Amino acid sequence: MASANSWTLELESQVSAPRKFRATVMDWHTLAPKLAPHIVDNAHHVEGDGGIGSVRHYNCASAMPFNVMKKKVEFLDVEKCECKYTIECDGVETAMWDIKMEPTANGGSVAKVECTYKQQPSEEGNELMLKARESAADMFKTVETYLLANPDAYN
């Protein structure tokens, strides 16, 4: 259960867990500027090859409450479609994200996301948490729409 400094999100999808994981977690830095330019202007690798310890840098668009975000992969299990990473926004470590994609009986998946914030709750912090949750939901839905329209992508 989420604490005052966290939120959870569960989203069902018609797309299989491995495809959704590869697109949403492993390749979001490539897809985001194309599919969600209102969230991400551009992104690139800073360190690593995408595995544990890798860092990705995102320049955020006007829809986001910060300018720059860095994501560092802390845990990655591609086979189990699970990833944990820390997020740094405008130079301040703000959150730990835990993402799991689980298969469903109909061939789709359920994305389970838990985000735990490092800051104390405040009006500004609560607004940031709400914005992050909305952006995560938007990200997963945008990727699903893309994958359904492009059935050969990320197979």
C-alpha atoms as a PDB file:
ATOM      1  CA  MET A   1       0.000   0.000   0.000  1.00  0.00           C
ATOM      2  CA  ALA A   2       1.186   3.481  -0.851  1.00  0.00           C
ATOM      3  CA  SER A   3       2.370   5.835   1.885  1.00  0.00           C
ATOM      4  CA  ALA A   4       1.868   9.612   2.029  1.00  0.00           C
ATOM      5  CA  ASN A   5       5.054   9.928  -0.028  1.00  0.00           C
ATOM      6  CA  SER A   6       4.054   7.477  -2.739  1.00  0.00           C
ATOM      7  CA  TRP A   7       1.476   6.470  -5.293  1.00  0.00           C
ATOM      8  CA  THR A   8       0.619   3.311  -7.161  1.00  0.00           C
ATOM      9  CA  LEU A   9      -0.864   2.747 -10.571  1.00  0.00           C
ATOM     10  CA  GLU A  10      -2.225  -0.358 -12.291  1.00  0.00           C
ATOM     11  CA  LEU A  11      -3.098  -0.229 -15.962  1.00  0.00           C
ATOM     12  CA  GLU A  12      -4.429  -3.095 -18.041  1.00  0.00           C
ATOM     13  CA  SER A  13      -3.373  -3.358 -21.656  1.00  0.00           C
ATOM     14  CA  GLN A  14      -4.188  -5.448 -24.721  1.00  0.00           C
ATOM     15  CA  VAL A  15      -0.448  -5.587 -25.460  1.00  0.00           C
ATOM     16  CA  SER A  16       1.725  -8.447 -24.167  1.00  0.00           C
ATOM     17  CA  ALA A  17       3.983  -7.790 -21.171  1.00  0.00           C
ATOM     18  CA  PRO A  18       7.299  -8.249 -23.055  1.00  0.00           C
ATOM     19  CA  ARG A  19       6.341  -5.850 -25.893  1.00  0.00           C
ATOM     20  CA  LYS A  20       4.971  -3.256 -23.501  1.00  0.00           C
ATOM     21  CA  PHE A  21       8.055  -3.525 -21.263  1.00  0.00           C
ATOM     22  CA  ARG A  22      10.526  -3.169 -24.149  1.00  0.00           C
ATOM     23  CA  ALA A  23       8.743  -0.099 -25.520  1.00  0.00           C
ATOM     24  CA  THR A  24       7.796   1.614 -22.253  1.00  0.00           C
ATOM     25  CA  VAL A  25      10.814   0.848 -20.086  1.00  0.00           C
ATOM     26  CA  MET A  26      13.729  -0.134 -22.283  1.00  0.00           C
ATOM     27  CA  ASP A  27      13.127   2.262 -25.196  1.00  0.00           C
ATOM     28  CA  TRP A  28      11.039   5.135 -23.791  1.00  0.00           C
ATOM     29  CA  HIS A  29      13.977   7.512 -24.281  1.00  0.00           C
ATOM     30  CA  THR A  30      13.655   6.903 -28.045  1.00  0.00           C
ATOM     31  CA  LEU A  31       9.855   6.828 -28.255  1.00  0.00           C
ATOM     32  CA  ALA A  32       9.018   9.714 -25.903  1.00  0.00           C
ATOM     33  CA  PRO A  33      10.096  12.613 -28.126  1.00  0.00           C
ATOM     34  CA  LYS A  34       8.118  11.076 -31.022  1.00  0.00           C
ATOM     35  CA  LEU A  35       4.997   9.918 -29.152  1.00  0.00           C
ATOM     36  CA  ALA A  36       4.810  12.379 -26.246  1.00  0.00           C
ATOM     37  CA  PRO A  37       6.558  15.623 -27.214  1.00  0.00           C
ATOM     38  CA  HIS A  38       4.400  17.419 -24.635  1.00  0.00           C
ATOM     39  CA  ILE A  39       6.290  15.432 -21.950  1.00  0.00           C
ATOM     40  CA  VAL A  40       9.796  14.946 -23.407  1.00  0.00           C
ATOM     41  CA  ASP A  41      11.618  17.204 -25.880  1.00  0.00           C
ATOM     42  CA  ASN A  42      14.582  14.837 -26.273  1.00  0.00           C
ATOM     43  CA  ALA A  43      16.469  12.130 -24.412  1.00  0.00           C
ATOM     44  CA  HIS A  44      19.770  10.259 -24.573  1.00  0.00           C
ATOM     45  CA  HIS A  45      22.028   7.844 -22.691  1.00  0.00           C
ATOM     46  CA  VAL A  46      24.538   9.465 -20.347  1.00  0.00           C
ATOM     47  CA  GLU A  47      26.094   6.261 -18.992  1.00  0.00           C
ATOM     48  CA  GLY A  48      25.822   2.554 -19.690  1.00  0.00           C
ATOM     49  CA  ASP A  49      24.064   0.409 -22.238  1.00  0.00           C
ATOM     50  CA  GLY A  50      20.562   0.380 -20.738  1.00  0.00           C
ATOM     51  CA  GLY A  51      21.317  -2.157 -18.007  1.00  0.00           C
ATOM     52  CA  ILE A  52      21.831  -1.734 -14.269  1.00  0.00           C
ATOM     53  CA  GLY A  53      23.714   1.472 -13.493  1.00  0.00           C
ATOM     54  CA  SER A  54      22.757   3.103 -16.798  1.00  0.00           C
ATOM     55  CA  VAL A  55      21.658   6.730 -16.738  1.00  0.00           C
ATOM     56  CA  ARG A  56      19.340   8.409 -19.239  1.00  0.00           C
ATOM     57  CA  HIS A  57      18.927  12.178 -19.513  1.00  0.00           C
ATOM     58  CA  TYR A  58      15.564  13.700 -20.503  1.00  0.00           C
ATOM     59  CA  ASN A  59      14.917  17.324 -21.452  1.00  0.00           C
ATOM     60  CA  CYS A  60      11.310  17.833 -20.435  1.00  0.00           C
ATOM     61  CA  ALA A  61       8.615  19.743 -22.272  1.00  0.00           C
ATOM     62  CA  SER A  62       6.302  22.410 -20.918  1.00  0.00           C
ATOM     63  CA  ALA A  63       3.748  19.872 -19.615  1.00  0.00           C
ATOM     64  CA  MET A  64       6.253  18.815 -16.953  1.00  0.00           C
ATOM     65  CA  PRO A  65       6.893  20.743 -13.715  1.00  0.00           C
ATOM     66  CA  PHE A  66      10.686  20.476 -14.164  1.00  0.00           C
ATOM     67  CA  ASN A  67      13.183  21.006 -16.995  1.00  0.00           C
ATOM     68  CA  VAL A  68      15.559  18.059 -16.743  1.00  0.00           C
ATOM     69  CA  MET A  69      15.096  14.498 -15.531  1.00  0.00           C
ATOM     70  CA  LYS A  70      17.696  11.763 -15.136  1.00  0.00           C
ATOM     71  CA  LYS A  71      16.769   8.124 -14.660  1.00  0.00           C
ATOM     72  CA  LYS A  72      19.267   5.657 -13.199  1.00  0.00           C
ATOM     73  CA  VAL A  73      18.523   1.945 -13.529  1.00  0.00           C
ATOM     74  CA  GLU A  74      18.911   0.320 -10.098  1.00  0.00           C
ATOM     75  CA  PHE A  75      17.421  -3.112 -10.928  1.00  0.00           C
ATOM     76  CA  LEU A  76      16.509  -4.740 -14.217  1.00  0.00           C
ATOM     77  CA  ASP A  77      15.068  -8.160 -15.056  1.00  0.00           C
ATOM     78  CA  VAL A  78      14.013  -8.119 -18.701  1.00  0.00           C
ATOM     79  CA  GLU A  79      12.765 -11.737 -18.564  1.00  0.00           C
ATOM     80  CA  LYS A  80      10.384 -10.913 -15.704  1.00  0.00           C
ATOM     81  CA  CYS A  81       9.575  -7.463 -17.142  1.00  0.00           C
ATOM     82  CA  GLU A  82      10.628  -5.621 -13.996  1.00  0.00           C
ATOM     83  CA  CYS A  83      12.695  -2.487 -13.489  1.00  0.00           C
ATOM     84  CA  LYS A  84      13.499  -0.129 -10.618  1.00  0.00           C
ATOM     85  CA  TYR A  85      15.099   3.236 -11.104  1.00  0.00           C
ATOM     86  CA  THR A  86      15.793   6.445  -9.286  1.00  0.00           C
ATOM     87  CA  ILE A  87      14.679   9.746 -10.739  1.00  0.00           C
ATOM     88  CA  GLU A  88      16.528  13.039 -10.378  1.00  0.00           C
ATOM     89  CA  CYS A  89      14.673  16.191 -11.423  1.00  0.00           C
ATOM     90  CA  ASP A  90      16.546  19.444 -11.954  1.00  0.00           C
ATOM     91  CA  GLY A  91      19.481  17.994 -10.019  1.00  0.00           C
ATOM     92  CA  VAL A  92      17.531  16.731  -6.974  1.00  0.00           C
ATOM     93  CA  GLU A  93      16.863  13.035  -6.345  1.00  0.00           C
ATOM     94  CA  THR A  94      13.115  12.902  -6.022  1.00  0.00           C
ATOM     95  CA  ALA A  95      11.785   9.372  -6.442  1.00  0.00           C
ATOM     96  CA  MET A  96      12.228   5.620  -6.791  1.00  0.00           C
ATOM     97  CA  TRP A  97      10.057   3.919  -9.415  1.00  0.00           C
ATOM     98  CA  ASP A  98       9.272   0.199  -9.434  1.00  0.00           C
ATOM     99  CA  ILE A  99       7.656  -1.046 -12.654  1.00  0.00           C
ATOM    100  CA  LYS A 100       6.389  -4.574 -13.295  1.00  0.00           C
ATOM    101  CA  MET A 101       4.549  -5.813 -16.373  1.00  0.00           C
ATOM    102  CA  GLU A 102       2.568  -8.965 -15.698  1.00  0.00           C
ATOM    103  CA  PRO A 103       0.887 -11.093 -18.367  1.00  0.00           C
ATOM    104  CA  THR A 104      -2.886 -11.562 -18.332  1.00  0.00           C
ATOM    105  CA  ALA A 105      -4.872 -14.617 -19.435  1.00  0.00           C
ATOM    106  CA  ASN A 106      -6.076 -12.868 -22.607  1.00  0.00           C
ATOM    107  CA  GLY A 107      -2.513 -12.266 -23.892  1.00  0.00           C
ATOM    108  CA  GLY A 108      -2.380  -8.698 -22.668  1.00  0.00           C
ATOM    109  CA  SER A 109      -0.675  -7.310 -19.582  1.00  0.00           C
ATOM    110  CA  VAL A 110      -1.045  -5.287 -16.425  1.00  0.00           C
ATOM    111  CA  ALA A 111       1.496  -2.577 -15.692  1.00  0.00           C
ATOM    112  CA  LYS A 112       2.047  -2.105 -11.957  1.00  0.00           C
ATOM    113  CA  VAL A 113       3.914   1.029 -10.979  1.00  0.00           C
ATOM    114  CA  GLU A 114       4.863   2.205  -7.510  1.00  0.00           C
ATOM    115  CA  CYS A 115       6.571   5.536  -7.080  1.00  0.00           C
ATOM    116  CA  THR A 116       8.044   6.555  -3.717  1.00  0.00           C
ATOM    117  CA  TYR A 117       9.126  10.164  -3.269  1.00  0.00           C
ATOM    118  CA  LYS A 118      12.151  11.305  -1.276  1.00  0.00           C
ATOM    119  CA  GLN A 119      10.648  14.655  -0.293  1.00  0.00           C
ATOM    120  CA  GLN A 120       8.231  15.403   2.514  1.00  0.00           C
ATOM    121  CA  PRO A 121       4.618  15.962   1.473  1.00  0.00           C
ATOM    122  CA  SER A 122       3.690  19.583   0.834  1.00  0.00           C
ATOM    123  CA  GLU A 123       1.270  21.313  -1.479  1.00  0.00           C
ATOM    124  CA  GLU A 124       3.998  21.583  -4.119  1.00  0.00           C
ATOM    125  CA  GLY A 125       5.149  18.003  -3.504  1.00  0.00           C
ATOM    126  CA  ASN A 126       1.593  16.668  -3.761  1.00  0.00           C
ATOM    127  CA  GLU A 127       1.123  18.552  -7.039  1.00  0.00           C
ATOM    128  CA  LEU A 128       4.360  17.045  -8.380  1.00  0.00           C
ATOM    129  CA  MET A 129       3.252  13.549  -7.303  1.00  0.00           C
ATOM    130  CA  LEU A 130      -0.110  13.992  -9.058  1.00  0.00           C
ATOM    131  CA  LYS A 131       1.596  15.265 -12.216  1.00  0.00           C
ATOM    132  CA  ALA A 132       4.038  12.331 -12.189  1.00  0.00           C
ATOM    133  CA  ARG A 133       1.193   9.827 -11.805  1.00  0.00           C
ATOM    134  CA  GLU A 134      -0.750  11.464 -14.656  1.00  0.00           C
ATOM    135  CA  SER A 135       2.376  11.453 -16.846  1.00  0.00           C
ATOM    136  CA  ALA A 136       3.005   7.768 -16.099  1.00  0.00           C
ATOM    137  CA  ALA A 137      -0.578   6.853 -17.015  1.00  0.00           C
ATOM    138  CA  ASP A 138      -0.280   8.947 -20.194  1.00  0.00           C
ATOM    139  CA  MET A 139       3.029   7.264 -21.064  1.00  0.00           C
ATOM    140  CA  PHE A 140       1.604   3.737 -20.743  1.00  0.00           C
ATOM    141  CA  LYS A 141      -1.555   4.585 -22.722  1.00  0.00           C
ATOM    142  CA  THR A 142       0.434   6.339 -25.445  1.00  0.00           C
ATOM    143  CA  VAL A 143       2.742   3.345 -25.855  1.00  0.00           C
ATOM    144  CA  GLU A 144      -0.237   0.971 -25.957  1.00  0.00           C
ATOM    145  CA  THR A 145      -1.864   3.024 -28.737  1.00  0.00           C
ATOM    146  CA  TYR A 146       1.416   3.004 -30.674  1.00  0.00           C
ATOM    147  CA  LEU A 147       1.939  -0.758 -30.247  1.00  0.00           C
ATOM    148  CA  LEU A 148      -1.637  -1.596 -31.250  1.00  0.00           C
ATOM    149  CA  ALA A 149      -1.237   0.541 -34.393  1.00  0.00           C
ATOM    150  CA  ASN A 150       2.186  -1.063 -35.108  1.00  0.00           C
ATOM    151  CA  PRO A 151       1.761  -4.797 -34.397  1.00  0.00           C
ATOM    152  CA  ASP A 152       5.274  -5.671 -35.602  1.00  0.00           C
ATOM    153  CA  ALA A 153       7.016  -3.141 -33.342  1.00  0.00           C
ATOM    154  CA  TYR A 154       8.970  -4.526 -30.360  1.00  0.00           C
ATOM    155  CA  ASN A 155       8.312  -8.205 -31.138  1.00  0.00           C
END
